[in-house]
Amino acid sequence: MGECSDLSQTPLFTFGVIADIQYADIDDGFNYHRTRRRYYRSSLQLLRNAQESWSESAIKPKFILQLGDIIDGFNKGRGASERALAAVLREFSSRGVQVHHVWGNHEFYNFSRSALLRSKLNSTSCSDEGSGAHAGADIYAYHFSPAPGFRFVVLDAYDVSLLGRDESSVKYTNALNLLREHNSNEDLNAPPMAEGLEQRFVKFNGGFSKDQLDWLDAVLSQADEKKERVTIVSHLPVHPRSTDPICLAWNFDELLAILQSHSSVVCFMAGHDHDGGYHRDKDSGVHHLTLEGVIETPPDSDAFGTVSVYEDRMILKGNGRIADRELLFP
């Protein structure tokens, strides 16, 4: 943490961050490649730990960012999706703090897009009112301002995807064509290459439609004019140096180009890569922060953070696997 930080200064506001809880009432298991242990049942206790820490803070968080994969896909096959979701949402609601939910691949393993839009995982009611607050009827993207001069944008990284889209839809067809163009494997969850950026073309990832990108560009143009500080959140990371390439959004390059063209953007937060990651874009100064996943965090550790926002920086106080970071604004 930089020597110039004045931690005695009262922050303008704080917020909590947590990613990849992937709760299921089942015994511990392993990831897709069987290389990492997953702690399905104890992930709920780690969420409780986070909630207790936030509620006991001297300055209560104004909101929580839940960065996706709130319950695990294993729930679907057991007919336990609704029950598991209710258990996690009960923990979130116990402290009365507003939660902004991001959608990841495991949301779509459990529910259809239409079901998610009708569910309590649809946080668009927390968005700003007025035209342009939402990206579109079936695109889960919106923005909100928790304090003057600051804006947060929630993106839909599975807007173009095989997950959650009806097989008869244009977006499903476009997603399938894109995947087949880059991935010839019978199992589309298997990466087309052993290394490199092409690994991202797998079924458990997705991308951003032109409509969503155009909407984001317009939102950021308004933020530029207002001289706001903008933090963008998505389940999928978009900078190759902030994550393992297999976890990148399909069209990360298009999203990055938009971020780099707007002076208002200060930070991009994501989940999906359970190892976490961090990179500061040397061209734009934007911080790309990927949060370590709760699901692969041992029961005797933690994986959540509290972010204090100041006029010229954000300070992340990490717990357990998540490191402290000072994020100076560009």
Protein backbone atom coordinates (compact mmCIF):
# COMPACT_ATOMS: atom_id res chain seq x y z
CA MET A 1 0.00 0.00 0.00
CA GLY A 2 1.37 3.40 -0.98
CA GLU A 3 2.94 5.69 1.60
CA CYS A 4 0.67 8.52 0.46
CA SER A 5 -2.46 6.77 1.76
CA ASP A 6 -4.17 8.51 4.64
CA LEU A 7 -6.17 5.76 6.30
CA SER A 8 -7.38 8.18 8.97
CA GLN A 9 -9.45 9.96 6.33
CA THR A 10 -13.11 8.95 6.33
CA PRO A 11 -14.06 7.30 3.03
CA LEU A 12 -16.87 8.71 0.92
CA PHE A 13 -18.48 5.26 1.06
CA THR A 14 -17.52 1.59 1.26
CA PHE A 15 -18.77 -1.56 -0.43
CA GLY A 16 -18.21 -5.30 -0.13
CA VAL A 17 -17.07 -7.69 -2.86
CA ILE A 18 -17.33 -11.47 -3.08
CA ALA A 19 -17.17 -13.92 -5.98
CA ASP A 20 -17.89 -17.51 -6.96
CA ILE A 21 -19.63 -18.78 -3.83
CA GLN A 22 -21.01 -21.77 -5.78
CA TYR A 23 -22.88 -23.17 -2.81
CA ALA A 24 -24.31 -26.68 -2.91
CA ASP A 25 -25.35 -28.94 -0.04
CA ILE A 26 -22.99 -31.70 -1.15
CA ASP A 27 -19.63 -33.09 -0.06
CA ASP A 28 -16.40 -31.49 -1.22
CA GLY A 29 -15.34 -32.25 -4.78
CA PHE A 30 -13.08 -31.00 -7.54
CA ASN A 31 -13.09 -28.60 -10.46
CA TYR A 32 -13.80 -29.58 -14.09
CA HIS A 33 -10.20 -30.75 -14.64
CA ARG A 34 -10.06 -32.42 -11.20
CA THR A 35 -7.01 -30.36 -10.21
CA ARG A 36 -8.55 -28.13 -7.51
CA ARG A 37 -10.58 -28.99 -4.43
CA ARG A 38 -13.99 -27.34 -4.08
CA TYR A 39 -15.67 -26.77 -0.73
CA TYR A 40 -19.35 -26.73 -1.69
CA ARG A 41 -21.02 -26.89 1.70
CA SER A 42 -18.64 -24.67 3.64
CA SER A 43 -18.92 -21.86 1.07
CA LEU A 44 -22.08 -20.79 2.89
CA GLN A 45 -20.12 -20.35 6.13
CA LEU A 46 -17.54 -18.25 4.31
CA LEU A 47 -20.37 -16.01 3.10
CA ARG A 48 -21.54 -15.73 6.72
CA ASN A 49 -18.01 -14.72 7.72
CA ALA A 50 -18.09 -11.96 5.13
CA GLN A 51 -21.52 -10.78 6.22
CA GLU A 52 -20.46 -10.67 9.87
CA SER A 53 -17.33 -8.69 9.02
CA TRP A 54 -19.28 -6.17 6.94
CA SER A 55 -21.97 -5.74 9.61
CA GLU A 56 -19.36 -5.19 12.33
CA SER A 57 -17.43 -2.58 10.33
CA ALA A 58 -17.28 0.91 11.81
CA ILE A 59 -18.52 2.17 8.44
CA LYS A 60 -21.21 -0.12 7.05
CA PRO A 61 -20.93 -0.99 3.35
CA LYS A 62 -23.37 0.92 1.16
CA PHE A 63 -23.84 -2.17 -1.00
CA ILE A 64 -22.35 -5.57 -1.84
CA LEU A 65 -21.12 -6.70 -5.27
CA GLN A 66 -21.75 -10.43 -5.73
CA LEU A 67 -19.70 -11.20 -8.84
CA GLY A 68 -21.51 -14.29 -10.06
CA ASP A 69 -21.73 -18.09 -9.66
CA ILE A 70 -23.76 -17.74 -6.49
CA ILE A 71 -24.70 -21.46 -6.46
CA ASP A 72 -23.09 -24.44 -8.19
CA GLY A 73 -24.35 -26.21 -11.29
CA PHE A 74 -24.48 -29.50 -9.39
CA ASN A 75 -27.70 -28.24 -7.78
CA LYS A 76 -29.57 -28.54 -11.08
CA GLY A 77 -29.16 -32.31 -11.40
CA ARG A 78 -30.26 -32.78 -7.81
CA GLY A 79 -33.38 -30.66 -8.18
CA ALA A 80 -31.93 -28.35 -5.54
CA SER A 81 -31.44 -25.08 -7.46
CA GLU A 82 -34.25 -23.15 -5.79
CA ARG A 83 -33.41 -24.50 -2.34
CA ALA A 84 -29.70 -23.67 -2.65
CA LEU A 85 -30.43 -20.19 -3.97
CA ALA A 86 -32.85 -19.52 -1.13
CA ALA A 87 -30.20 -20.55 1.41
CA VAL A 88 -27.63 -18.13 -0.03
CA LEU A 89 -30.07 -15.26 -0.48
CA ARG A 90 -31.19 -15.73 3.12
CA GLU A 91 -27.60 -15.02 4.22
CA PHE A 92 -27.39 -11.94 2.00
CA SER A 93 -30.70 -10.53 3.23
CA SER A 94 -29.90 -11.11 6.92
CA ARG A 95 -27.98 -7.82 7.22
CA GLY A 96 -30.25 -5.56 5.19
CA VAL A 97 -27.54 -4.29 2.81
CA GLN A 98 -28.32 -3.81 -0.88
CA VAL A 99 -26.77 -6.52 -3.06
CA HIS A 100 -25.95 -6.17 -6.75
CA HIS A 101 -25.89 -9.63 -8.33
CA VAL A 102 -23.79 -10.42 -11.41
CA TRP A 103 -24.67 -13.45 -13.54
CA GLY A 104 -22.08 -16.13 -14.29
CA ASN A 105 -22.10 -19.52 -16.01
CA HIS A 106 -23.40 -21.33 -12.92
CA GLU A 107 -26.49 -19.10 -12.80
CA PHE A 108 -27.28 -20.40 -16.29
CA TYR A 109 -26.53 -24.02 -15.38
CA ASN A 110 -29.34 -23.69 -12.84
CA PHE A 111 -31.85 -21.33 -14.44
CA SER A 112 -32.99 -20.06 -17.82
CA ARG A 113 -32.42 -16.41 -18.69
CA SER A 114 -36.15 -15.71 -18.43
CA ALA A 115 -36.24 -17.33 -14.97
CA LEU A 116 -33.26 -15.25 -13.83
CA LEU A 117 -34.92 -12.06 -15.06
CA ARG A 118 -37.91 -12.92 -12.84
CA SER A 119 -35.77 -13.93 -9.86
CA LYS A 120 -34.23 -12.14 -6.90
CA LEU A 121 -30.92 -12.31 -8.75
CA ASN A 122 -32.24 -9.55 -11.01
CA SER A 123 -30.90 -6.40 -9.33
CA THR A 124 -32.04 -3.92 -11.98
CA SER A 125 -34.49 -2.45 -9.47
CA CYS A 126 -31.36 -0.98 -7.81
CA SER A 127 -30.36 0.84 -10.99
CA ASP A 128 -30.71 4.54 -11.71
CA GLU A 129 -34.03 5.57 -13.18
CA GLY A 130 -34.45 7.10 -16.60
CA SER A 131 -33.66 6.22 -20.19
CA GLY A 132 -30.45 4.31 -20.76
CA ALA A 133 -30.37 2.82 -17.26
CA HIS A 134 -30.70 -0.69 -18.75
CA ALA A 135 -29.03 -2.17 -21.83
CA GLY A 136 -32.17 -3.89 -23.14
CA ALA A 137 -35.09 -6.13 -22.27
CA ASP A 138 -33.15 -9.42 -22.28
CA ILE A 139 -29.67 -8.04 -21.56
CA TYR A 140 -28.83 -8.01 -17.86
CA ALA A 141 -26.78 -4.82 -17.75
CA TYR A 142 -27.46 -1.63 -15.83
CA HIS A 143 -25.73 1.20 -13.98
CA PHE A 144 -26.16 3.03 -10.68
CA SER A 145 -24.57 5.91 -8.79
CA PRO A 146 -24.05 5.27 -5.04
CA ALA A 147 -22.65 8.76 -4.46
CA PRO A 148 -22.16 11.96 -6.46
CA GLY A 149 -19.24 11.62 -8.86
CA PHE A 150 -19.20 7.81 -8.84
CA ARG A 151 -20.91 5.25 -11.05
CA PHE A 152 -20.98 1.45 -11.22
CA VAL A 153 -21.90 -0.54 -14.32
CA VAL A 154 -23.01 -4.18 -14.17
CA LEU A 155 -22.36 -6.08 -17.42
CA ASP A 156 -23.88 -9.24 -18.90
CA ALA A 157 -20.91 -11.40 -19.96
CA TYR A 158 -23.23 -14.19 -21.19
CA ASP A 159 -25.27 -11.95 -23.46
CA VAL A 160 -23.84 -13.89 -26.43
CA SER A 161 -23.53 -17.46 -25.19
CA LEU A 162 -24.77 -21.02 -25.46
CA LEU A 163 -25.78 -20.74 -21.81
CA GLY A 164 -29.22 -19.37 -20.99
CA ARG A 165 -30.12 -18.55 -24.60
CA ASP A 166 -32.89 -20.39 -26.46
CA GLU A 167 -31.42 -22.60 -29.18
CA SER A 168 -33.68 -20.92 -31.73
CA SER A 169 -32.38 -17.43 -30.89
CA VAL A 170 -30.00 -15.40 -33.05
CA LYS A 171 -27.61 -14.92 -30.13
CA TYR A 172 -27.39 -18.69 -29.57
CA THR A 173 -26.69 -19.25 -33.27
CA ASN A 174 -24.05 -16.52 -33.30
CA ALA A 175 -22.44 -17.97 -30.19
CA LEU A 176 -22.37 -21.49 -31.64
CA ASN A 177 -20.89 -20.27 -34.93
CA LEU A 178 -18.21 -18.31 -33.08
CA LEU A 179 -17.30 -21.28 -30.89
CA ARG A 180 -17.19 -23.70 -33.83
CA GLU A 181 -14.97 -21.28 -35.72
CA HIS A 182 -12.37 -21.46 -32.95
CA ASN A 183 -13.05 -24.80 -31.23
CA SER A 184 -13.38 -28.09 -33.10
CA ASN A 185 -13.64 -30.28 -29.99
CA GLU A 186 -16.72 -32.44 -29.51
CA ASP A 187 -16.77 -31.24 -25.91
CA LEU A 188 -17.00 -27.46 -26.23
CA ASN A 189 -15.97 -27.04 -22.58
CA ALA A 190 -12.53 -28.36 -23.59
CA PRO A 191 -10.27 -25.53 -24.80
CA PRO A 192 -9.18 -25.60 -28.45
CA MET A 193 -5.54 -24.98 -27.52
CA ALA A 194 -3.35 -26.00 -24.59
CA GLU A 195 -2.19 -22.41 -24.08
CA GLY A 196 -2.69 -18.88 -25.37
CA LEU A 197 -5.68 -16.58 -25.78
CA GLU A 198 -7.59 -19.06 -28.00
CA GLN A 199 -8.28 -21.09 -24.84
CA ARG A 200 -11.12 -18.66 -24.04
CA PHE A 201 -13.35 -20.14 -26.74
CA VAL A 202 -15.15 -22.62 -24.51
CA LYS A 203 -18.80 -23.13 -23.68
CA PHE A 204 -18.48 -21.95 -20.08
CA ASN A 205 -17.54 -18.46 -21.30
CA GLY A 206 -19.51 -15.91 -23.29
CA GLY A 207 -19.38 -12.45 -24.75
CA PHE A 208 -20.96 -9.03 -25.12
CA SER A 209 -23.35 -8.22 -27.97
CA LYS A 210 -22.96 -5.12 -30.13
CA ASP A 211 -26.09 -3.69 -28.50
CA GLN A 212 -24.54 -4.02 -25.05
CA LEU A 213 -21.21 -2.59 -26.18
CA ASP A 214 -22.94 0.40 -27.81
CA TRP A 215 -24.96 0.94 -24.63
CA LEU A 216 -21.82 0.81 -22.48
CA ASP A 217 -20.06 3.26 -24.79
CA ALA A 218 -22.96 5.70 -24.39
CA VAL A 219 -23.05 5.30 -20.58
CA LEU A 220 -19.32 5.98 -20.36
CA SER A 221 -19.58 9.00 -22.66
CA GLN A 222 -22.09 10.53 -20.26
CA ALA A 223 -19.82 9.68 -17.33
CA ASP A 224 -16.89 11.34 -19.12
CA GLU A 225 -18.91 14.53 -19.48
CA LYS A 226 -19.91 14.46 -15.80
CA LYS A 227 -16.33 13.65 -14.77
CA GLU A 228 -17.54 10.59 -12.85
CA ARG A 229 -15.34 7.73 -11.64
CA VAL A 230 -16.69 4.49 -13.10
CA THR A 231 -16.18 0.93 -11.86
CA ILE A 232 -17.40 -1.84 -14.17
CA VAL A 233 -18.27 -5.34 -12.96
CA SER A 234 -18.69 -8.55 -14.93
CA HIS A 235 -18.39 -12.24 -14.16
CA LEU A 236 -15.80 -12.67 -16.90
CA PRO A 237 -12.48 -10.79 -16.84
CA VAL A 238 -11.50 -8.81 -19.94
CA HIS A 239 -7.77 -8.17 -19.57
CA PRO A 240 -5.44 -11.07 -20.49
CA ARG A 241 -3.02 -10.17 -17.71
CA SER A 242 -5.68 -10.17 -14.99
CA THR A 243 -6.65 -13.82 -15.42
CA ASP A 244 -5.83 -17.21 -16.88
CA PRO A 245 -6.66 -16.92 -20.62
CA ILE A 246 -9.21 -19.74 -20.36
CA CYS A 247 -11.41 -17.45 -18.24
CA LEU A 248 -11.50 -14.44 -20.60
CA ALA A 249 -14.65 -13.14 -22.27
CA TRP A 250 -14.78 -14.14 -25.94
CA ASN A 251 -14.63 -10.57 -27.27
CA PHE A 252 -12.56 -9.11 -24.45
CA ASP A 253 -10.63 -7.04 -27.00
CA GLU A 254 -13.73 -5.10 -28.05
CA LEU A 255 -14.62 -4.38 -24.43
CA LEU A 256 -11.05 -3.33 -23.64
CA ALA A 257 -11.05 -0.91 -26.58
CA ILE A 258 -14.13 0.81 -25.15
CA LEU A 259 -12.61 1.05 -21.66
CA GLN A 260 -9.43 2.54 -23.08
CA SER A 261 -11.37 5.23 -24.95
CA HIS A 262 -13.10 6.67 -21.86
CA SER A 263 -11.34 8.70 -19.17
CA SER A 264 -14.09 7.99 -16.62
CA VAL A 265 -13.24 4.29 -16.15
CA VAL A 266 -11.07 3.55 -13.11
CA CYS A 267 -11.62 -0.14 -12.34
CA PHE A 268 -12.93 -3.40 -13.81
CA MET A 269 -13.88 -6.14 -11.33
CA ALA A 270 -14.59 -9.76 -12.22
CA GLY A 271 -14.77 -13.29 -10.84
CA HIS A 272 -14.73 -16.65 -12.71
CA ASP A 273 -10.99 -17.32 -12.28
CA HIS A 274 -10.89 -18.80 -8.78
CA ASP A 275 -7.18 -18.00 -8.44
CA GLY A 276 -7.90 -14.30 -8.84
CA GLY A 277 -5.63 -11.83 -10.58
CA TYR A 278 -4.68 -8.19 -10.97
CA HIS A 279 -3.25 -5.94 -13.66
CA ARG A 280 -3.14 -2.22 -14.20
CA ASP A 281 -3.54 -1.32 -17.87
CA LYS A 282 -0.49 0.80 -18.70
CA ASP A 283 -2.33 2.62 -21.51
CA SER A 284 -5.47 3.64 -19.62
CA GLY A 285 -4.46 3.31 -15.97
CA VAL A 286 -7.55 1.15 -15.36
CA HIS A 287 -7.23 -1.44 -12.58
CA HIS A 288 -8.36 -4.94 -13.61
CA LEU A 289 -9.14 -6.89 -10.45
CA THR A 290 -10.23 -10.54 -10.51
CA LEU A 291 -11.51 -11.79 -7.15
CA GLU A 292 -10.44 -15.15 -5.76
CA GLY A 293 -13.35 -17.58 -5.59
CA VAL A 294 -15.02 -18.62 -2.34
CA ILE A 295 -15.67 -22.13 -3.70
CA GLU A 296 -11.96 -23.06 -3.75
CA THR A 297 -11.17 -21.40 -0.42
CA PRO A 298 -10.54 -23.84 2.48
CA PRO A 299 -13.00 -23.63 5.40
CA ASP A 300 -10.32 -22.18 7.69
CA SER A 301 -9.68 -19.22 5.38
CA ASP A 302 -11.79 -16.50 3.71
CA ALA A 303 -12.31 -14.82 0.33
CA PHE A 304 -14.01 -11.43 0.44
CA GLY A 305 -13.05 -7.80 0.44
CA THR A 306 -14.19 -4.39 1.59
CA VAL A 307 -13.48 -1.41 -0.64
CA SER A 308 -13.19 2.11 0.79
CA VAL A 309 -13.72 4.84 -1.80
CA TYR A 310 -11.97 8.22 -1.59
CA GLU A 311 -11.72 11.19 -3.95
CA ASP A 312 -8.55 9.91 -5.61
CA ARG A 313 -8.43 6.17 -4.94
CA MET A 314 -10.10 3.00 -3.75
CA ILE A 315 -8.53 0.88 -1.04
CA LEU A 316 -9.32 -2.83 -0.99
CA LYS A 317 -9.02 -4.52 2.40
CA GLY A 318 -8.84 -8.20 1.59
CA ASN A 319 -9.63 -11.14 3.85
CA GLY A 320 -8.07 -14.58 3.61
CA ARG A 321 -6.96 -15.29 0.05
CA ILE A 322 -7.70 -11.75 -1.15
CA ALA A 323 -4.81 -9.31 -0.88
CA ASP A 324 -4.97 -5.67 0.20
CA ARG A 325 -4.63 -3.25 -2.72
CA GLU A 326 -4.50 0.48 -3.25
CA LEU A 327 -6.19 1.45 -6.51
CA LEU A 328 -5.17 4.99 -7.43
CA PHE A 329 -7.46 6.64 -9.95
CA PRO A 330 -5.90 7.41 -13.35
